[in-house]
Amino acid sequence: MFLHSFHVLSCISQLDKLIEKTEHEYLESELPSDLSRAESMLEEHKRKKQEISHLINYTADEGEKIVVRVRQTVRQTFNFFMFFFT
């Protein structure tokens, strides 16, 4: 479970870096001066949004798996103690 938790933390770090990089790129970019450039920037924005959304969903799913494992472990530990100490 530790390695899985580390993987989720790595995903969160990767997500944070991607969002920071994307924000920086948008702040540094100039407004488009023609329709072609505007369309190109819109497509890039959609691609980045999809990439970030995918990473958010993946990280949330992996985090949920950790929560489920922790709950199972707590329940098993409780049952173990109840069996031996009651």
PDB file of N, CA and C in Angstrom:
ATOM      1  N   MET A   1       0.826  -1.185   0.000  1.00  0.00           N
ATOM      2  CA  MET A   1       0.000   0.000   0.000  1.00  0.00           C
ATOM      3  C   MET A   1       0.875   1.256   0.000  1.00  0.00           C
ATOM      4  N   PHE A   2       2.038   1.188   0.634  1.00  0.00           N
ATOM      5  CA  PHE A   2       2.933   2.344   0.676  1.00  0.00           C
ATOM      6  C   PHE A   2       3.333   2.777  -0.724  1.00  0.00           C
ATOM      7  N   LEU A   3       3.690   1.817  -1.576  1.00  0.00           N
ATOM      8  CA  LEU A   3       4.094   2.164  -2.943  1.00  0.00           C
ATOM      9  C   LEU A   3       2.941   2.777  -3.713  1.00  0.00           C
ATOM     10  N   HIS A   4       1.749   2.269  -3.480  1.00  0.00           N
ATOM     11  CA  HIS A   4       0.571   2.816  -4.147  1.00  0.00           C
ATOM     12  C   HIS A   4       0.340   4.255  -3.683  1.00  0.00           C
ATOM     13  N   SER A   5       0.503   4.503  -2.395  1.00  0.00           N
ATOM     14  CA  SER A   5       0.349   5.861  -1.865  1.00  0.00           C
ATOM     15  C   SER A   5       1.394   6.786  -2.456  1.00  0.00           C
ATOM     16  N   PHE A   6       2.615   6.296  -2.575  1.00  0.00           N
ATOM     17  CA  PHE A   6       3.689   7.086  -3.163  1.00  0.00           C
ATOM     18  C   PHE A   6       3.361   7.420  -4.611  1.00  0.00           C
ATOM     19  N   HIS A   7       2.784   6.464  -5.336  1.00  0.00           N
ATOM     20  CA  HIS A   7       2.396   6.685  -6.731  1.00  0.00           C
ATOM     21  C   HIS A   7       1.356   7.797  -6.826  1.00  0.00           C
ATOM     22  N   VAL A   8       0.380   7.795  -5.930  1.00  0.00           N
ATOM     23  CA  VAL A   8      -0.655   8.834  -5.942  1.00  0.00           C
ATOM     24  C   VAL A   8      -0.027  10.195  -5.646  1.00  0.00           C
ATOM     25  N   LEU A   9       0.883  10.240  -4.685  1.00  0.00           N
ATOM     26  CA  LEU A   9       1.564  11.504  -4.394  1.00  0.00           C
ATOM     27  C   LEU A   9       2.361  11.982  -5.596  1.00  0.00           C
ATOM     28  N   SER A  10       2.958  11.058  -6.310  1.00  0.00           N
ATOM     29  CA  SER A  10       3.691  11.401  -7.528  1.00  0.00           C
ATOM     30  C   SER A  10       2.740  11.973  -8.584  1.00  0.00           C
ATOM     31  N   CYS A  11       1.554  11.383  -8.695  1.00  0.00           N
ATOM     32  CA  CYS A  11       0.553  11.874  -9.648  1.00  0.00           C
ATOM     33  C   CYS A  11       0.098  13.286  -9.271  1.00  0.00           C
ATOM     34  N   ILE A  12      -0.082  13.519  -7.981  1.00  0.00           N
ATOM     35  CA  ILE A  12      -0.497  14.845  -7.528  1.00  0.00           C
ATOM     36  C   ILE A  12       0.589  15.868  -7.848  1.00  0.00           C
ATOM     37  N   SER A  13       1.831  15.490  -7.619  1.00  0.00           N
ATOM     38  CA  SER A  13       2.943  16.381  -7.939  1.00  0.00           C
ATOM     39  C   SER A  13       3.000  16.652  -9.435  1.00  0.00           C
ATOM     40  N   GLN A  14       2.831  15.624 -10.228  1.00  0.00           N
ATOM     41  CA  GLN A  14       2.834  15.769 -11.684  1.00  0.00           C
ATOM     42  C   GLN A  14       1.682  16.676 -12.126  1.00  0.00           C
ATOM     43  N   LEU A  15       0.526  16.502 -11.534  1.00  0.00           N
ATOM     44  CA  LEU A  15      -0.637  17.321 -11.848  1.00  0.00           C
ATOM     45  C   LEU A  15      -0.369  18.780 -11.499  1.00  0.00           C
ATOM     46  N   ASP A  16       0.195  19.003 -10.332  1.00  0.00           N
ATOM     47  CA  ASP A  16       0.505  20.365  -9.902  1.00  0.00           C
ATOM     48  C   ASP A  16       1.472  21.036 -10.866  1.00  0.00           C
ATOM     49  N   LYS A  17       2.505  20.309 -11.266  1.00  0.00           N
ATOM     50  CA  LYS A  17       3.489  20.862 -12.210  1.00  0.00           C
ATOM     51  C   LYS A  17       2.854  21.157 -13.563  1.00  0.00           C
ATOM     52  N   LEU A  18       1.997  20.268 -14.027  1.00  0.00           N
ATOM     53  CA  LEU A  18       1.335  20.469 -15.307  1.00  0.00           C
ATOM     54  C   LEU A  18       0.430  21.698 -15.274  1.00  0.00           C
ATOM     55  N   ILE A  19      -0.312  21.863 -14.202  1.00  0.00           N
ATOM     56  CA  ILE A  19      -1.188  23.032 -14.076  1.00  0.00           C
ATOM     57  C   ILE A  19      -0.352  24.311 -14.023  1.00  0.00           C
ATOM     58  N   GLU A  20       0.719  24.299 -13.240  1.00  0.00           N
ATOM     59  CA  GLU A  20       1.597  25.469 -13.157  1.00  0.00           C
ATOM     60  C   GLU A  20       2.186  25.821 -14.515  1.00  0.00           C
ATOM     61  N   LYS A  21       2.678  24.823 -15.212  1.00  0.00           N
ATOM     62  CA  LYS A  21       3.279  25.038 -16.532  1.00  0.00           C
ATOM     63  C   LYS A  21       2.247  25.604 -17.502  1.00  0.00           C
ATOM     64  N   THR A  22       1.053  25.044 -17.481  1.00  0.00           N
ATOM     65  CA  THR A  22      -0.003  25.493 -18.387  1.00  0.00           C
ATOM     66  C   THR A  22      -0.408  26.934 -18.073  1.00  0.00           C
ATOM     67  N   GLU A  23      -0.568  27.238 -16.787  1.00  0.00           N
ATOM     68  CA  GLU A  23      -0.909  28.609 -16.405  1.00  0.00           C
ATOM     69  C   GLU A  23       0.168  29.584 -16.873  1.00  0.00           C
ATOM     70  N   HIS A  24       1.421  29.208 -16.670  1.00  0.00           N
ATOM     71  CA  HIS A  24       2.538  30.066 -17.083  1.00  0.00           C
ATOM     72  C   HIS A  24       2.519  30.278 -18.600  1.00  0.00           C
ATOM     73  N   GLU A  25       2.294  29.217 -19.354  1.00  0.00           N
ATOM     74  CA  GLU A  25       2.255  29.328 -20.819  1.00  0.00           C
ATOM     75  C   GLU A  25       1.142  30.266 -21.267  1.00  0.00           C
ATOM     76  N   TYR A  26      -0.025  30.166 -20.644  1.00  0.00           N
ATOM     77  CA  TYR A  26      -1.137  31.030 -21.028  1.00  0.00           C
ATOM     78  C   TYR A  26      -0.882  32.485 -20.645  1.00  0.00           C
ATOM     79  N   LEU A  27      -0.265  32.696 -19.490  1.00  0.00           N
ATOM     80  CA  LEU A  27       0.030  34.069 -19.078  1.00  0.00           C
ATOM     81  C   LEU A  27       1.084  34.711 -19.975  1.00  0.00           C
ATOM     82  N   GLU A  28       2.007  33.915 -20.482  1.00  0.00           N
ATOM     83  CA  GLU A  28       3.084  34.429 -21.324  1.00  0.00           C
ATOM     84  C   GLU A  28       2.684  34.573 -22.793  1.00  0.00           C
ATOM     85  N   SER A  29       1.623  33.904 -23.190  1.00  0.00           N
ATOM     86  CA  SER A  29       1.255  33.941 -24.608  1.00  0.00           C
ATOM     87  C   SER A  29       0.522  35.240 -24.951  1.00  0.00           C
ATOM     88  N   GLU A  30       0.710  35.661 -26.181  1.00  0.00           N
ATOM     89  CA  GLU A  30       0.049  36.869 -26.666  1.00  0.00           C
ATOM     90  C   GLU A  30      -1.331  36.508 -27.193  1.00  0.00           C
ATOM     91  N   LEU A  31      -2.234  37.466 -27.124  1.00  0.00           N
ATOM     92  CA  LEU A  31      -3.559  37.241 -27.687  1.00  0.00           C
ATOM     93  C   LEU A  31      -3.438  37.072 -29.202  1.00  0.00           C
ATOM     94  N   PRO A  32      -4.223  36.179 -29.761  1.00  0.00           N
ATOM     95  CA  PRO A  32      -4.128  35.939 -31.202  1.00  0.00           C
ATOM     96  C   PRO A  32      -4.562  37.166 -32.007  1.00  0.00           C
ATOM     97  N   SER A  33      -3.882  37.347 -33.120  1.00  0.00           N
ATOM     98  CA  SER A  33      -4.205  38.502 -33.967  1.00  0.00           C
ATOM     99  C   SER A  33      -5.035  38.103 -35.178  1.00  0.00           C
ATOM    100  N   ASP A  34      -5.198  36.794 -35.376  1.00  0.00           N
ATOM    101  CA  ASP A  34      -6.030  36.356 -36.501  1.00  0.00           C
ATOM    102  C   ASP A  34      -6.803  35.097 -36.119  1.00  0.00           C
ATOM    103  N   LEU A  35      -7.787  34.769 -36.917  1.00  0.00           N
ATOM    104  CA  LEU A  35      -8.674  33.653 -36.630  1.00  0.00           C
ATOM    105  C   LEU A  35      -7.930  32.322 -36.585  1.00  0.00           C
ATOM    106  N   SER A  36      -7.006  32.123 -37.498  1.00  0.00           N
ATOM    107  CA  SER A  36      -6.250  30.868 -37.548  1.00  0.00           C
ATOM    108  C   SER A  36      -5.482  30.639 -36.248  1.00  0.00           C
ATOM    109  N   ARG A  37      -4.831  31.680 -35.768  1.00  0.00           N
ATOM    110  CA  ARG A  37      -4.064  31.572 -34.508  1.00  0.00           C
ATOM    111  C   ARG A  37      -5.007  31.345 -33.332  1.00  0.00           C
ATOM    112  N   ALA A  38      -6.160  32.014 -33.340  1.00  0.00           N
ATOM    113  CA  ALA A  38      -7.137  31.838 -32.265  1.00  0.00           C
ATOM    114  C   ALA A  38      -7.651  30.397 -32.235  1.00  0.00           C
ATOM    115  N   GLU A  39      -7.932  29.839 -33.396  1.00  0.00           N
ATOM    116  CA  GLU A  39      -8.396  28.453 -33.470  1.00  0.00           C
ATOM    117  C   GLU A  39      -7.325  27.492 -32.988  1.00  0.00           C
ATOM    118  N   SER A  40      -6.091  27.763 -33.375  1.00  0.00           N
ATOM    119  CA  SER A  40      -4.966  26.931 -32.944  1.00  0.00           C
ATOM    120  C   SER A  40      -4.812  26.976 -31.416  1.00  0.00           C
ATOM    121  N   MET A  41      -4.917  28.153 -30.851  1.00  0.00           N
ATOM    122  CA  MET A  41      -4.802  28.292 -29.395  1.00  0.00           C
ATOM    123  C   MET A  41      -5.964  27.606 -28.689  1.00  0.00           C
ATOM    124  N   LEU A  42      -7.147  27.679 -29.269  1.00  0.00           N
ATOM    125  CA  LEU A  42      -8.314  27.018 -28.686  1.00  0.00           C
ATOM    126  C   LEU A  42      -8.127  25.506 -28.685  1.00  0.00           C
ATOM    127  N   GLU A  43      -7.626  24.956 -29.772  1.00  0.00           N
ATOM    128  CA  GLU A  43      -7.378  23.513 -29.846  1.00  0.00           C
ATOM    129  C   GLU A  43      -6.325  23.086 -28.820  1.00  0.00           C
ATOM    130  N   GLU A  44      -5.292  23.895 -28.675  1.00  0.00           N
ATOM    131  CA  GLU A  44      -4.258  23.595 -27.672  1.00  0.00           C
ATOM    132  C   GLU A  44      -4.860  23.645 -26.268  1.00  0.00           C
ATOM    133  N   HIS A  45      -5.709  24.616 -26.023  1.00  0.00           N
ATOM    134  CA  HIS A  45      -6.372  24.733 -24.726  1.00  0.00           C
ATOM    135  C   HIS A  45      -7.234  23.498 -24.449  1.00  0.00           C
ATOM    136  N   LYS A  46      -7.978  23.057 -25.449  1.00  0.00           N
ATOM    137  CA  LYS A  46      -8.822  21.864 -25.293  1.00  0.00           C
ATOM    138  C   LYS A  46      -7.973  20.629 -25.002  1.00  0.00           C
ATOM    139  N   ARG A  47      -6.838  20.515 -25.686  1.00  0.00           N
ATOM    140  CA  ARG A  47      -5.944  19.377 -25.470  1.00  0.00           C
ATOM    141  C   ARG A  47      -5.390  19.388 -24.050  1.00  0.00           C
ATOM    142  N   LYS A  48      -4.943  20.552 -23.604  1.00  0.00           N
ATOM    143  CA  LYS A  48      -4.406  20.670 -22.238  1.00  0.00           C
ATOM    144  C   LYS A  48      -5.493  20.377 -21.210  1.00  0.00           C
ATOM    145  N   LYS A  49      -6.703  20.889 -21.456  1.00  0.00           N
ATOM    146  CA  LYS A  49      -7.809  20.650 -20.532  1.00  0.00           C
ATOM    147  C   LYS A  49      -8.085  19.160 -20.420  1.00  0.00           C
ATOM    148  N   GLN A  50      -8.082  18.460 -21.551  1.00  0.00           N
ATOM    149  CA  GLN A  50      -8.326  17.017 -21.551  1.00  0.00           C
ATOM    150  C   GLN A  50      -7.212  16.290 -20.789  1.00  0.00           C
ATOM    151  N   GLU A  51      -5.984  16.688 -21.012  1.00  0.00           N
ATOM    152  CA  GLU A  51      -4.837  16.067 -20.338  1.00  0.00           C
ATOM    153  C   GLU A  51      -4.931  16.264 -18.822  1.00  0.00           C
ATOM    154  N   ILE A  52      -5.251  17.467 -18.395  1.00  0.00           N
ATOM    155  CA  ILE A  52      -5.358  17.752 -16.972  1.00  0.00           C
ATOM    156  C   ILE A  52      -6.553  17.008 -16.376  1.00  0.00           C
ATOM    157  N   SER A  53      -7.670  17.005 -17.076  1.00  0.00           N
ATOM    158  CA  SER A  53      -8.859  16.288 -16.589  1.00  0.00           C
ATOM    159  C   SER A  53      -8.576  14.803 -16.428  1.00  0.00           C
ATOM    160  N   HIS A  54      -7.877  14.230 -17.400  1.00  0.00           N
ATOM    161  CA  HIS A  54      -7.526  12.809 -17.322  1.00  0.00           C
ATOM    162  C   HIS A  54      -6.659  12.535 -16.088  1.00  0.00           C
ATOM    163  N   LEU A  55      -5.676  13.380 -15.868  1.00  0.00           N
ATOM    164  CA  LEU A  55      -4.781  13.183 -14.726  1.00  0.00           C
ATOM    165  C   LEU A  55      -5.526  13.381 -13.402  1.00  0.00           C
ATOM    166  N   ILE A  56      -6.433  14.343 -13.351  1.00  0.00           N
ATOM    167  CA  ILE A  56      -7.239  14.546 -12.137  1.00  0.00           C
ATOM    168  C   ILE A  56      -8.076  13.304 -11.861  1.00  0.00           C
ATOM    169  N   ASN A  57      -8.753  12.795 -12.878  1.00  0.00           N
ATOM    170  CA  ASN A  57      -9.609  11.613 -12.701  1.00  0.00           C
ATOM    171  C   ASN A  57      -8.798  10.389 -12.297  1.00  0.00           C
ATOM    172  N   TYR A  58      -7.652  10.201 -12.932  1.00  0.00           N
ATOM    173  CA  TYR A  58      -6.792   9.064 -12.614  1.00  0.00           C
ATOM    174  C   TYR A  58      -6.315   9.149 -11.162  1.00  0.00           C
ATOM    175  N   THR A  59      -5.873  10.336 -10.753  1.00  0.00           N
ATOM    176  CA  THR A  59      -5.377  10.532  -9.397  1.00  0.00           C
ATOM    177  C   THR A  59      -6.492  10.320  -8.378  1.00  0.00           C
ATOM    178  N   ALA A  60      -7.682  10.814  -8.686  1.00  0.00           N
ATOM    179  CA  ALA A  60      -8.821  10.624  -7.779  1.00  0.00           C
ATOM    180  C   ALA A  60      -9.171   9.140  -7.657  1.00  0.00           C
ATOM    181  N   ASP A  61      -9.162   8.423  -8.766  1.00  0.00           N
ATOM    182  CA  ASP A  61      -9.456   6.986  -8.734  1.00  0.00           C
ATOM    183  C   ASP A  61      -8.420   6.227  -7.909  1.00  0.00           C
ATOM    184  N   GLU A  62      -7.159   6.557  -8.111  1.00  0.00           N
ATOM    185  CA  GLU A  62      -6.100   5.894  -7.351  1.00  0.00           C
ATOM    186  C   GLU A  62      -6.208   6.230  -5.865  1.00  0.00           C
ATOM    187  N   GLY A  63      -6.541   7.464  -5.550  1.00  0.00           N
ATOM    188  CA  GLY A  63      -6.732   7.857  -4.158  1.00  0.00           C
ATOM    189  C   GLY A  63      -7.884   7.097  -3.515  1.00  0.00           C
ATOM    190  N   GLU A  64      -8.948   6.906  -4.280  1.00  0.00           N
ATOM    191  CA  GLU A  64     -10.099   6.149  -3.773  1.00  0.00           C
ATOM    192  C   GLU A  64      -9.705   4.705  -3.477  1.00  0.00           C
ATOM    193  N   LYS A  65      -8.849   4.129  -4.305  1.00  0.00           N
ATOM    194  CA  LYS A  65      -8.380   2.759  -4.056  1.00  0.00           C
ATOM    195  C   LYS A  65      -7.627   2.686  -2.725  1.00  0.00           C
ATOM    196  N   ILE A  66      -6.852   3.716  -2.421  1.00  0.00           N
ATOM    197  CA  ILE A  66      -6.123   3.744  -1.147  1.00  0.00           C
ATOM    198  C   ILE A  66      -7.110   3.806   0.012  1.00  0.00           C
ATOM    199  N   VAL A  67      -8.119   4.646  -0.109  1.00  0.00           N
ATOM    200  CA  VAL A  67      -9.126   4.770   0.952  1.00  0.00           C
ATOM    201  C   VAL A  67      -9.797   3.424   1.191  1.00  0.00           C
ATOM    202  N   VAL A  68     -10.156   2.725   0.127  1.00  0.00           N
ATOM    203  CA  VAL A  68     -10.798   1.410   0.256  1.00  0.00           C
ATOM    204  C   VAL A  68      -9.865   0.432   0.955  1.00  0.00           C
ATOM    205  N   ARG A  69      -8.590   0.427   0.571  1.00  0.00           N
ATOM    206  CA  ARG A  69      -7.625  -0.482   1.203  1.00  0.00           C
ATOM    207  C   ARG A  69      -7.434  -0.170   2.681  1.00  0.00           C
ATOM    208  N   VAL A  70      -7.373   1.104   3.015  1.00  0.00           N
ATOM    209  CA  VAL A  70      -7.215   1.488   4.422  1.00  0.00           C
ATOM    210  C   VAL A  70      -8.422   1.025   5.221  1.00  0.00           C
ATOM    211  N   ARG A  71      -9.612   1.248   4.685  1.00  0.00           N
ATOM    212  CA  ARG A  71     -10.826   0.814   5.393  1.00  0.00           C
ATOM    213  C   ARG A  71     -10.832  -0.698   5.588  1.00  0.00           C
ATOM    214  N   GLN A  72     -10.417  -1.441   4.558  1.00  0.00           N
ATOM    215  CA  GLN A  72     -10.360  -2.902   4.684  1.00  0.00           C
ATOM    216  C   GLN A  72      -9.353  -3.314   5.744  1.00  0.00           C
ATOM    217  N   THR A  73      -8.213  -2.668   5.752  1.00  0.00           N
ATOM    218  CA  THR A  73      -7.172  -2.992   6.728  1.00  0.00           C
ATOM    219  C   THR A  73      -7.647  -2.692   8.145  1.00  0.00           C
ATOM    220  N   VAL A  74      -8.288  -1.554   8.324  1.00  0.00           N
ATOM    221  CA  VAL A  74      -8.801  -1.194   9.648  1.00  0.00           C
ATOM    222  C   VAL A  74      -9.837  -2.218  10.094  1.00  0.00           C
ATOM    223  N   ARG A  75     -10.736  -2.588   9.193  1.00  0.00           N
ATOM    224  CA  ARG A  75     -11.776  -3.572   9.527  1.00  0.00           C
ATOM    225  C   ARG A  75     -11.145  -4.918   9.873  1.00  0.00           C
ATOM    226  N   GLN A  76     -10.158  -5.358   9.093  1.00  0.00           N
ATOM    227  CA  GLN A  76      -9.498  -6.641   9.355  1.00  0.00           C
ATOM    228  C   GLN A  76      -8.758  -6.607  10.683  1.00  0.00           C
ATOM    229  N   THR A  77      -8.098  -5.503  10.978  1.00  0.00           N
ATOM    230  CA  THR A  77      -7.373  -5.365  12.233  1.00  0.00           C
ATOM    231  C   THR A  77      -8.343  -5.391  13.409  1.00  0.00           C
ATOM    232  N   PHE A  78      -9.444  -4.680  13.273  1.00  0.00           N
ATOM    233  CA  PHE A  78     -10.459  -4.684  14.327  1.00  0.00           C
ATOM    234  C   PHE A  78     -10.987  -6.101  14.550  1.00  0.00           C
ATOM    235  N   ASN A  79     -11.308  -6.805  13.459  1.00  0.00           N
ATOM    236  CA  ASN A  79     -11.820  -8.175  13.575  1.00  0.00           C
ATOM    237  C   ASN A  79     -10.789  -9.099  14.220  1.00  0.00           C
ATOM    238  N   PHE A  80      -9.527  -8.911  13.884  1.00  0.00           N
ATOM    239  CA  PHE A  80      -8.454  -9.704  14.469  1.00  0.00           C
ATOM    240  C   PHE A  80      -8.410  -9.512  15.984  1.00  0.00           C
ATOM    241  N   PHE A  81      -8.423  -8.249  16.416  1.00  0.00           N
ATOM    242  CA  PHE A  81      -8.377  -7.976  17.848  1.00  0.00           C
ATOM    243  C   PHE A  81      -9.634  -8.457  18.556  1.00  0.00           C
ATOM    244  N   MET A  82     -10.759  -8.317  17.928  1.00  0.00           N
ATOM    245  CA  MET A  82     -12.008  -8.779  18.535  1.00  0.00           C
ATOM    246  C   MET A  82     -11.986 -10.298  18.695  1.00  0.00           C
ATOM    247  N   PHE A  83     -11.424 -11.006  17.726  1.00  0.00           N
ATOM    248  CA  PHE A  83     -11.361 -12.462  17.767  1.00  0.00           C
ATOM    249  C   PHE A  83     -10.455 -12.939  18.904  1.00  0.00           C
ATOM    250  N   PHE A  84      -9.304 -12.321  19.037  1.00  0.00           N
ATOM    251  CA  PHE A  84      -8.316 -12.787  20.009  1.00  0.00           C
ATOM    252  C   PHE A  84      -8.494 -12.203  21.410  1.00  0.00           C
ATOM    253  N   PHE A  85      -9.140 -11.071  21.520  1.00  0.00           N
ATOM    254  CA  PHE A  85      -9.198 -10.405  22.820  1.00  0.00           C
ATOM    255  C   PHE A  85     -10.602 -10.303  23.416  1.00  0.00           C
ATOM    256  N   THR A  86     -11.539 -11.041  22.859  1.00  0.00           N
ATOM    257  CA  THR A  86     -12.876 -11.035  23.468  1.00  0.00           C
ATOM    258  C   THR A  86     -13.279 -12.420  23.870  1.00  0.00           C
TER     259      THR A  86
END
